[in-house]
């Protein structure tokens, strides 16, 4: 197995879990934020879509943060749909990209990194924010879906 194969398999698993977390958030609570210094739920949720676009641009070797920062969704359904379509597009692009291309360097926030390392880092960042989102879900009155095993909200009889 190549590094690309391992990354692709991890991404397929993790993106499916992230989609469940996005879909579990209560639509009426997009304004929710647990603390004044915290991001609101909408911002965190839109960040999942933005990161998919960053991943795509890293593979294409041109990261355009201005375009990515402009993403804004009208509601949770759009965020969910956009994440799902961005994920499918990204995984298709990744599948068509030779591993040697992913070993080339790209400028990312003032640093020169392998595109593959940018992708790994963004995957880990998505997992981190998904954990944040699971806390937001519970605090906003939603039910946390299974992430790496059953959640307290998915116990039998609930």
N, C-alpha and C. Protein backbone atom coordinates (compact mmCIF):
# COMPACT_ATOMS: atom_id res chain seq x y z
N UNK A 1 0.83 -1.19 0.00
CA UNK A 1 0.00 0.00 0.00
C UNK A 1 0.87 1.24 0.00
N UNK A 2 0.48 2.21 -0.79
CA UNK A 2 1.23 3.46 -0.85
C UNK A 2 0.68 4.44 0.18
N UNK A 3 1.43 5.51 0.41
CA UNK A 3 0.94 6.55 1.32
C UNK A 3 -0.37 7.13 0.80
N UNK A 4 -0.47 7.30 -0.50
CA UNK A 4 -1.72 7.82 -1.09
C UNK A 4 -2.88 6.88 -0.81
N UNK A 5 -2.67 5.58 -0.92
CA UNK A 5 -3.73 4.61 -0.63
C UNK A 5 -4.18 4.70 0.83
N UNK A 6 -3.22 4.82 1.73
CA UNK A 6 -3.53 4.91 3.15
C UNK A 6 -4.30 6.20 3.44
N UNK A 7 -3.83 7.31 2.87
CA UNK A 7 -4.50 8.60 3.05
C UNK A 7 -5.92 8.55 2.49
N UNK A 8 -6.08 8.00 1.30
CA UNK A 8 -7.40 7.93 0.67
C UNK A 8 -8.37 7.12 1.52
N UNK A 9 -7.94 5.97 2.01
CA UNK A 9 -8.80 5.14 2.85
C UNK A 9 -9.18 5.87 4.14
N UNK A 10 -8.22 6.54 4.75
CA UNK A 10 -8.51 7.30 5.98
C UNK A 10 -9.49 8.42 5.69
N UNK A 11 -9.29 9.11 4.59
CA UNK A 11 -10.18 10.21 4.24
C UNK A 11 -11.60 9.72 3.97
N UNK A 12 -11.74 8.63 3.26
CA UNK A 12 -13.08 8.11 2.98
C UNK A 12 -13.83 7.81 4.28
N UNK A 13 -13.15 7.18 5.23
CA UNK A 13 -13.78 6.88 6.53
C UNK A 13 -14.13 8.16 7.29
N UNK A 14 -13.15 9.04 7.39
CA UNK A 14 -13.33 10.24 8.22
C UNK A 14 -14.33 11.21 7.61
N UNK A 15 -14.34 11.34 6.29
CA UNK A 15 -15.29 12.26 5.66
C UNK A 15 -16.72 11.78 5.88
N UNK A 16 -16.96 10.48 5.84
CA UNK A 16 -18.30 9.94 6.08
C UNK A 16 -18.74 10.25 7.52
N UNK A 17 -17.83 10.15 8.45
CA UNK A 17 -18.14 10.47 9.84
C UNK A 17 -18.42 11.96 10.01
N UNK A 18 -17.61 12.79 9.37
CA UNK A 18 -17.82 14.23 9.44
C UNK A 18 -19.19 14.61 8.89
N UNK A 19 -19.60 13.98 7.80
CA UNK A 19 -20.92 14.26 7.23
C UNK A 19 -22.02 13.93 8.24
N UNK A 20 -21.90 12.82 8.95
CA UNK A 20 -22.90 12.48 9.98
C UNK A 20 -22.95 13.54 11.08
N UNK A 21 -21.78 14.04 11.46
CA UNK A 21 -21.73 15.08 12.50
C UNK A 21 -22.39 16.37 11.98
N UNK A 22 -22.08 16.75 10.76
CA UNK A 22 -22.72 17.95 10.18
C UNK A 22 -24.23 17.79 10.20
N UNK A 23 -24.71 16.66 9.75
CA UNK A 23 -26.15 16.43 9.64
C UNK A 23 -26.83 16.32 11.00
N UNK A 24 -26.08 16.06 12.06
CA UNK A 24 -26.67 15.92 13.39
C UNK A 24 -26.89 17.26 14.09
N UNK A 25 -26.29 18.31 13.57
CA UNK A 25 -26.42 19.60 14.26
C UNK A 25 -27.83 20.15 14.06
N UNK A 26 -28.44 20.68 15.13
CA UNK A 26 -29.79 21.25 15.01
C UNK A 26 -29.79 22.52 14.14
N UNK A 27 -30.53 22.50 13.05
CA UNK A 27 -30.59 23.61 12.10
C UNK A 27 -30.90 24.94 12.79
N UNK A 28 -31.77 24.92 13.74
CA UNK A 28 -32.21 26.17 14.38
C UNK A 28 -31.15 26.77 15.31
N UNK A 29 -30.04 26.08 15.50
CA UNK A 29 -29.02 26.53 16.45
C UNK A 29 -27.71 26.97 15.78
N UNK A 30 -27.74 27.32 14.50
CA UNK A 30 -26.51 27.69 13.80
C UNK A 30 -25.80 28.88 14.43
N UNK A 31 -26.51 29.69 15.14
CA UNK A 31 -25.92 30.86 15.82
C UNK A 31 -25.21 30.47 17.13
N UNK A 32 -25.39 29.23 17.58
CA UNK A 32 -24.88 28.79 18.88
C UNK A 32 -23.36 28.92 18.98
N UNK A 33 -22.90 29.44 20.12
CA UNK A 33 -21.48 29.43 20.46
C UNK A 33 -21.38 29.29 21.96
N UNK A 34 -20.53 28.38 22.43
CA UNK A 34 -20.48 28.09 23.86
C UNK A 34 -19.78 29.16 24.70
N UNK A 35 -19.05 30.07 24.06
CA UNK A 35 -18.29 31.08 24.79
C UNK A 35 -18.07 32.26 23.86
N UNK A 36 -17.88 33.43 24.43
CA UNK A 36 -17.66 34.64 23.61
C UNK A 36 -16.47 34.50 22.67
N UNK A 37 -15.43 33.79 23.10
CA UNK A 37 -14.23 33.64 22.26
C UNK A 37 -14.34 32.47 21.29
N UNK A 38 -15.41 31.69 21.38
CA UNK A 38 -15.61 30.54 20.49
C UNK A 38 -16.21 30.99 19.16
N UNK A 39 -15.96 30.20 18.14
CA UNK A 39 -16.63 30.41 16.85
C UNK A 39 -18.07 29.94 16.99
N UNK A 40 -18.96 30.54 16.21
CA UNK A 40 -20.33 30.02 16.24
C UNK A 40 -20.41 28.76 15.40
N UNK A 41 -21.50 28.02 15.58
CA UNK A 41 -21.65 26.72 14.91
C UNK A 41 -21.59 26.85 13.40
N UNK A 42 -22.25 27.87 12.85
CA UNK A 42 -22.23 28.07 11.39
C UNK A 42 -20.80 28.18 10.88
N UNK A 43 -19.98 28.95 11.56
CA UNK A 43 -18.59 29.13 11.13
C UNK A 43 -17.83 27.81 11.16
N UNK A 44 -18.01 27.04 12.22
CA UNK A 44 -17.34 25.73 12.30
C UNK A 44 -17.81 24.80 11.19
N UNK A 45 -19.12 24.77 10.98
CA UNK A 45 -19.68 23.88 9.96
C UNK A 45 -19.24 24.30 8.56
N UNK A 46 -19.26 25.60 8.27
CA UNK A 46 -18.80 26.06 6.96
C UNK A 46 -17.31 25.75 6.78
N UNK A 47 -16.57 25.73 7.87
CA UNK A 47 -15.15 25.40 7.81
C UNK A 47 -14.88 24.02 7.23
N UNK A 48 -15.79 23.07 7.45
CA UNK A 48 -15.61 21.75 6.87
C UNK A 48 -15.62 21.82 5.34
N UNK A 49 -16.48 22.63 4.79
CA UNK A 49 -16.55 22.79 3.33
C UNK A 49 -15.31 23.53 2.84
N UNK A 50 -14.95 24.58 3.55
CA UNK A 50 -13.76 25.35 3.16
C UNK A 50 -12.52 24.45 3.11
N UNK A 51 -12.38 23.59 4.12
CA UNK A 51 -11.20 22.71 4.14
C UNK A 51 -11.20 21.74 2.96
N UNK A 52 -12.36 21.30 2.52
CA UNK A 52 -12.40 20.43 1.34
C UNK A 52 -11.87 21.19 0.13
N UNK A 53 -12.22 22.46 0.02
CA UNK A 53 -11.73 23.28 -1.09
C UNK A 53 -10.22 23.52 -0.98
N UNK A 54 -9.73 23.67 0.24
CA UNK A 54 -8.29 23.83 0.43
C UNK A 54 -7.57 22.55 0.01
N UNK A 55 -8.14 21.39 0.39
CA UNK A 55 -7.53 20.12 -0.01
C UNK A 55 -7.47 20.00 -1.53
N UNK A 56 -8.56 20.34 -2.18
CA UNK A 56 -8.60 20.28 -3.65
C UNK A 56 -7.54 21.21 -4.24
N UNK A 57 -7.44 22.42 -3.72
CA UNK A 57 -6.47 23.37 -4.28
C UNK A 57 -5.03 22.94 -3.98
N UNK A 58 -4.81 22.24 -2.87
CA UNK A 58 -3.46 21.74 -2.57
C UNK A 58 -3.05 20.69 -3.59
N UNK A 59 -3.98 19.83 -3.99
CA UNK A 59 -3.68 18.82 -5.01
C UNK A 59 -3.40 19.49 -6.35
N UNK A 60 -4.10 20.57 -6.62
CA UNK A 60 -3.91 21.31 -7.87
C UNK A 60 -2.69 22.24 -7.80
N UNK A 61 -2.04 22.30 -6.63
CA UNK A 61 -0.83 23.08 -6.40
C UNK A 61 -1.06 24.59 -6.44
N UNK A 62 -2.29 25.03 -6.23
CA UNK A 62 -2.59 26.47 -6.20
C UNK A 62 -3.63 26.71 -5.12
N UNK A 63 -3.18 27.15 -3.97
CA UNK A 63 -4.11 27.41 -2.86
C UNK A 63 -4.53 28.87 -2.91
N UNK A 64 -5.80 29.09 -3.20
CA UNK A 64 -6.38 30.43 -3.30
C UNK A 64 -7.27 30.67 -2.08
N UNK A 65 -6.67 31.17 -1.01
CA UNK A 65 -7.41 31.35 0.24
C UNK A 65 -8.50 32.41 0.12
N UNK A 66 -8.33 33.41 -0.73
CA UNK A 66 -9.37 34.43 -0.88
C UNK A 66 -10.67 33.80 -1.37
N UNK A 67 -10.59 32.96 -2.37
CA UNK A 67 -11.77 32.27 -2.91
C UNK A 67 -12.39 31.36 -1.84
N UNK A 68 -11.55 30.69 -1.11
CA UNK A 68 -12.01 29.74 -0.10
C UNK A 68 -12.71 30.48 1.05
N UNK A 69 -12.17 31.61 1.46
CA UNK A 69 -12.76 32.38 2.56
C UNK A 69 -14.14 32.92 2.20
N UNK A 70 -14.45 33.03 0.93
CA UNK A 70 -15.72 33.60 0.50
C UNK A 70 -16.90 32.64 0.66
N UNK A 71 -16.65 31.38 0.91
CA UNK A 71 -17.74 30.41 1.02
C UNK A 71 -18.67 30.78 2.18
N UNK A 72 -19.96 30.81 1.89
CA UNK A 72 -20.97 31.06 2.91
C UNK A 72 -22.22 30.30 2.50
N UNK A 73 -22.80 29.59 3.43
CA UNK A 73 -23.99 28.77 3.14
C UNK A 73 -25.24 29.45 3.70
N UNK A 74 -26.38 29.18 3.08
CA UNK A 74 -27.63 29.77 3.55
C UNK A 74 -28.22 29.00 4.72
N UNK A 75 -27.94 27.69 4.81
CA UNK A 75 -28.49 26.89 5.90
C UNK A 75 -27.70 25.59 6.04
N UNK A 76 -28.11 24.79 7.01
CA UNK A 76 -27.40 23.55 7.30
C UNK A 76 -27.49 22.55 6.15
N UNK A 77 -28.64 22.51 5.49
CA UNK A 77 -28.80 21.59 4.35
C UNK A 77 -27.78 21.90 3.26
N UNK A 78 -27.57 23.19 3.00
CA UNK A 78 -26.58 23.56 1.99
C UNK A 78 -25.17 23.16 2.42
N UNK A 79 -24.86 23.37 3.70
CA UNK A 79 -23.53 22.96 4.20
C UNK A 79 -23.35 21.46 4.00
N UNK A 80 -24.36 20.69 4.37
CA UNK A 80 -24.30 19.23 4.22
C UNK A 80 -24.13 18.84 2.76
N UNK A 81 -24.96 19.41 1.89
CA UNK A 81 -24.88 19.10 0.45
C UNK A 81 -23.54 19.52 -0.13
N UNK A 82 -23.07 20.71 0.24
CA UNK A 82 -21.80 21.22 -0.28
C UNK A 82 -20.63 20.37 0.21
N UNK A 83 -20.68 19.95 1.47
CA UNK A 83 -19.61 19.09 1.99
C UNK A 83 -19.60 17.77 1.23
N UNK A 84 -20.78 17.20 1.03
CA UNK A 84 -20.87 15.92 0.34
C UNK A 84 -20.36 16.02 -1.10
N UNK A 85 -20.74 17.08 -1.80
CA UNK A 85 -20.29 17.21 -3.19
C UNK A 85 -18.80 17.57 -3.25
N UNK A 86 -18.33 18.43 -2.35
CA UNK A 86 -16.91 18.78 -2.33
C UNK A 86 -16.05 17.56 -2.01
N UNK A 87 -16.56 16.71 -1.13
CA UNK A 87 -15.86 15.47 -0.77
C UNK A 87 -15.75 14.55 -1.98
N UNK A 88 -16.86 14.36 -2.69
CA UNK A 88 -16.86 13.49 -3.87
C UNK A 88 -15.90 14.02 -4.93
N UNK A 89 -15.95 15.34 -5.16
CA UNK A 89 -15.05 15.95 -6.17
C UNK A 89 -13.60 15.80 -5.76
N UNK A 90 -13.32 16.05 -4.47
CA UNK A 90 -11.94 15.94 -4.01
C UNK A 90 -11.43 14.51 -4.13
N UNK A 91 -12.22 13.53 -3.66
CA UNK A 91 -11.77 12.14 -3.72
C UNK A 91 -11.56 11.68 -5.16
N UNK A 92 -12.38 12.17 -6.08
CA UNK A 92 -12.20 11.85 -7.49
C UNK A 92 -10.87 12.43 -7.99
N UNK A 93 -10.63 13.69 -7.67
CA UNK A 93 -9.37 14.34 -8.07
C UNK A 93 -8.17 13.61 -7.45
N UNK A 94 -8.27 13.29 -6.17
CA UNK A 94 -7.18 12.58 -5.50
C UNK A 94 -6.91 11.24 -6.18
N UNK A 95 -7.96 10.54 -6.53
CA UNK A 95 -7.82 9.24 -7.20
C UNK A 95 -7.10 9.32 -8.53
N UNK A 96 -7.28 10.44 -9.23
CA UNK A 96 -6.66 10.63 -10.55
C UNK A 96 -5.25 11.20 -10.48
N UNK A 97 -4.83 11.61 -9.28
CA UNK A 97 -3.54 12.27 -9.13
C UNK A 97 -2.46 11.25 -8.77
N UNK A 98 -1.38 11.27 -9.50
CA UNK A 98 -0.26 10.38 -9.23
C UNK A 98 0.41 10.76 -7.91
N UNK A 99 0.86 9.75 -7.18
CA UNK A 99 1.48 10.01 -5.88
C UNK A 99 2.68 10.94 -6.01
N UNK A 100 3.44 10.83 -7.08
CA UNK A 100 4.60 11.70 -7.25
C UNK A 100 4.18 13.18 -7.29
N UNK A 101 2.99 13.47 -7.80
CA UNK A 101 2.48 14.85 -7.80
C UNK A 101 2.21 15.32 -6.38
N UNK A 102 1.73 14.42 -5.54
CA UNK A 102 1.41 14.77 -4.15
C UNK A 102 2.66 14.95 -3.30
N UNK A 103 3.80 14.52 -3.82
CA UNK A 103 5.08 14.71 -3.14
C UNK A 103 5.74 16.04 -3.51
N UNK A 104 5.13 16.77 -4.44
CA UNK A 104 5.64 18.10 -4.80
C UNK A 104 5.26 19.07 -3.69
N UNK A 105 5.99 20.18 -3.64
CA UNK A 105 5.76 21.17 -2.60
C UNK A 105 4.81 22.26 -3.07
N UNK A 106 4.06 22.76 -2.10
CA UNK A 106 3.09 23.82 -2.33
C UNK A 106 3.24 24.84 -1.19
N UNK A 107 2.97 26.10 -1.48
CA UNK A 107 3.00 27.13 -0.45
C UNK A 107 1.70 27.05 0.35
N UNK A 108 1.84 26.95 1.66
CA UNK A 108 0.67 26.83 2.53
C UNK A 108 0.90 27.68 3.77
N UNK A 109 0.20 28.78 3.87
CA UNK A 109 0.34 29.73 4.98
C UNK A 109 1.80 30.10 5.23
N UNK A 110 2.47 30.47 4.15
CA UNK A 110 3.84 30.95 4.25
C UNK A 110 4.89 29.86 4.42
N UNK A 111 4.48 28.62 4.35
CA UNK A 111 5.43 27.50 4.47
C UNK A 111 5.39 26.68 3.21
N UNK A 112 6.52 26.10 2.88
CA UNK A 112 6.59 25.19 1.74
C UNK A 112 6.50 23.76 2.25
N UNK A 113 5.41 23.07 1.88
CA UNK A 113 5.17 21.72 2.36
C UNK A 113 4.81 20.81 1.20
N UNK A 114 5.04 19.52 1.38
CA UNK A 114 4.54 18.57 0.40
C UNK A 114 3.01 18.66 0.39
N UNK A 115 2.43 18.55 -0.78
CA UNK A 115 0.97 18.56 -0.87
C UNK A 115 0.39 17.44 0.00
N UNK A 116 1.05 16.29 0.04
CA UNK A 116 0.58 15.17 0.86
C UNK A 116 0.54 15.56 2.34
N UNK A 117 1.53 16.31 2.81
CA UNK A 117 1.55 16.73 4.20
C UNK A 117 0.45 17.75 4.49
N UNK A 118 0.15 18.60 3.53
CA UNK A 118 -0.97 19.53 3.68
C UNK A 118 -2.27 18.73 3.83
N UNK A 119 -2.44 17.70 3.00
CA UNK A 119 -3.65 16.89 3.07
C UNK A 119 -3.78 16.17 4.40
N UNK A 120 -2.69 15.58 4.88
CA UNK A 120 -2.72 14.92 6.19
C UNK A 120 -3.08 15.93 7.28
N UNK A 121 -2.44 17.08 7.25
CA UNK A 121 -2.70 18.10 8.25
C UNK A 121 -4.14 18.57 8.25
N UNK A 122 -4.70 18.75 7.06
CA UNK A 122 -6.09 19.18 6.96
C UNK A 122 -7.05 18.09 7.41
N UNK A 123 -6.70 16.84 7.14
CA UNK A 123 -7.54 15.74 7.63
C UNK A 123 -7.56 15.76 9.17
N UNK A 124 -6.40 15.90 9.78
CA UNK A 124 -6.33 15.94 11.25
C UNK A 124 -7.07 17.16 11.79
N UNK A 125 -6.97 18.28 11.08
CA UNK A 125 -7.68 19.48 11.52
C UNK A 125 -9.20 19.27 11.44
N UNK A 126 -9.65 18.59 10.39
CA UNK A 126 -11.07 18.29 10.27
C UNK A 126 -11.53 17.41 11.44
N UNK A 127 -10.74 16.41 11.79
CA UNK A 127 -11.07 15.52 12.90
C UNK A 127 -11.15 16.33 14.20
N UNK A 128 -10.21 17.24 14.39
CA UNK A 128 -10.20 18.10 15.58
C UNK A 128 -11.50 18.92 15.65
N UNK A 129 -11.84 19.60 14.56
CA UNK A 129 -13.04 20.44 14.55
C UNK A 129 -14.32 19.60 14.65
N UNK A 130 -14.27 18.39 14.16
CA UNK A 130 -15.42 17.49 14.30
C UNK A 130 -15.65 17.17 15.78
N UNK A 131 -14.56 16.99 16.52
CA UNK A 131 -14.68 16.78 17.96
C UNK A 131 -15.30 18.00 18.64
N UNK A 132 -14.85 19.18 18.25
CA UNK A 132 -15.46 20.41 18.76
C UNK A 132 -16.95 20.42 18.46
N UNK A 133 -17.28 20.07 17.23
CA UNK A 133 -18.67 20.11 16.80
C UNK A 133 -19.53 19.13 17.59
N UNK A 134 -18.95 18.00 17.98
CA UNK A 134 -19.74 17.03 18.75
C UNK A 134 -20.14 17.61 20.10
N UNK A 135 -19.28 18.44 20.68
CA UNK A 135 -19.63 19.11 21.93
C UNK A 135 -20.72 20.15 21.66
N UNK A 136 -20.58 20.91 20.58
CA UNK A 136 -21.59 21.91 20.22
C UNK A 136 -22.95 21.22 20.02
N UNK A 137 -22.95 20.07 19.36
CA UNK A 137 -24.21 19.36 19.10
C UNK A 137 -24.93 19.08 20.42
N UNK A 138 -24.21 18.50 21.35
CA UNK A 138 -24.82 18.14 22.62
C UNK A 138 -25.29 19.39 23.36
N UNK A 139 -24.47 20.44 23.39
CA UNK A 139 -24.84 21.67 24.10
C UNK A 139 -26.03 22.37 23.45
N UNK A 140 -26.18 22.20 22.12
CA UNK A 140 -27.28 22.84 21.39
C UNK A 140 -28.55 21.99 21.40
N UNK A 141 -28.51 20.84 22.09
CA UNK A 141 -29.70 20.02 22.22
C UNK A 141 -29.84 18.93 21.18
N UNK A 142 -28.81 18.70 20.38
CA UNK A 142 -28.87 17.65 19.37
C UNK A 142 -28.38 16.32 19.91
N UNK A 143 -28.37 15.32 19.06
CA UNK A 143 -27.90 13.98 19.43
C UNK A 143 -26.60 13.71 18.68
N UNK A 144 -25.56 13.40 19.44
CA UNK A 144 -24.24 13.15 18.85
C UNK A 144 -24.24 11.78 18.18
N UNK A 145 -23.87 11.73 16.89
CA UNK A 145 -23.82 10.44 16.20
C UNK A 145 -22.57 9.66 16.60
N UNK A 146 -22.55 8.41 16.22
CA UNK A 146 -21.37 7.57 16.41
C UNK A 146 -20.20 8.19 15.65
N UNK A 147 -19.06 8.27 16.32
CA UNK A 147 -17.86 8.78 15.66
C UNK A 147 -16.85 7.64 15.55
N UNK A 148 -16.33 7.16 16.67
CA UNK A 148 -15.42 6.00 16.65
C UNK A 148 -16.02 4.82 17.41
N UNK A 149 -17.27 4.88 17.63
CA UNK A 149 -18.03 3.86 18.36
C UNK A 149 -19.33 4.50 18.77
N UNK A 150 -20.19 3.74 19.41
CA UNK A 150 -21.50 4.30 19.78
C UNK A 150 -21.36 5.52 20.70
N UNK A 151 -22.24 6.48 20.53
CA UNK A 151 -22.26 7.62 21.44
C UNK A 151 -23.34 7.36 22.49
N UNK A 152 -23.32 8.15 23.53
CA UNK A 152 -24.35 8.01 24.58
C UNK A 152 -25.73 8.28 23.99
N UNK A 153 -25.81 9.02 22.89
CA UNK A 153 -27.09 9.33 22.25
C UNK A 153 -27.58 8.22 21.34
N UNK A 154 -26.74 7.24 21.08
CA UNK A 154 -27.12 6.15 20.18
C UNK A 154 -27.22 4.82 20.91
N UNK A 155 -27.34 4.86 22.22
CA UNK A 155 -27.49 3.62 22.98
C UNK A 155 -28.86 3.01 22.68
N UNK A 156 -28.98 1.70 22.76
CA UNK A 156 -30.28 1.06 22.52
C UNK A 156 -31.36 1.68 23.41
N UNK A 157 -32.51 1.89 22.81
CA UNK A 157 -33.64 2.42 23.55
C UNK A 157 -33.68 3.94 23.61
N UNK A 158 -32.73 4.61 22.97
CA UNK A 158 -32.73 6.08 23.00
C UNK A 158 -33.35 6.62 21.74
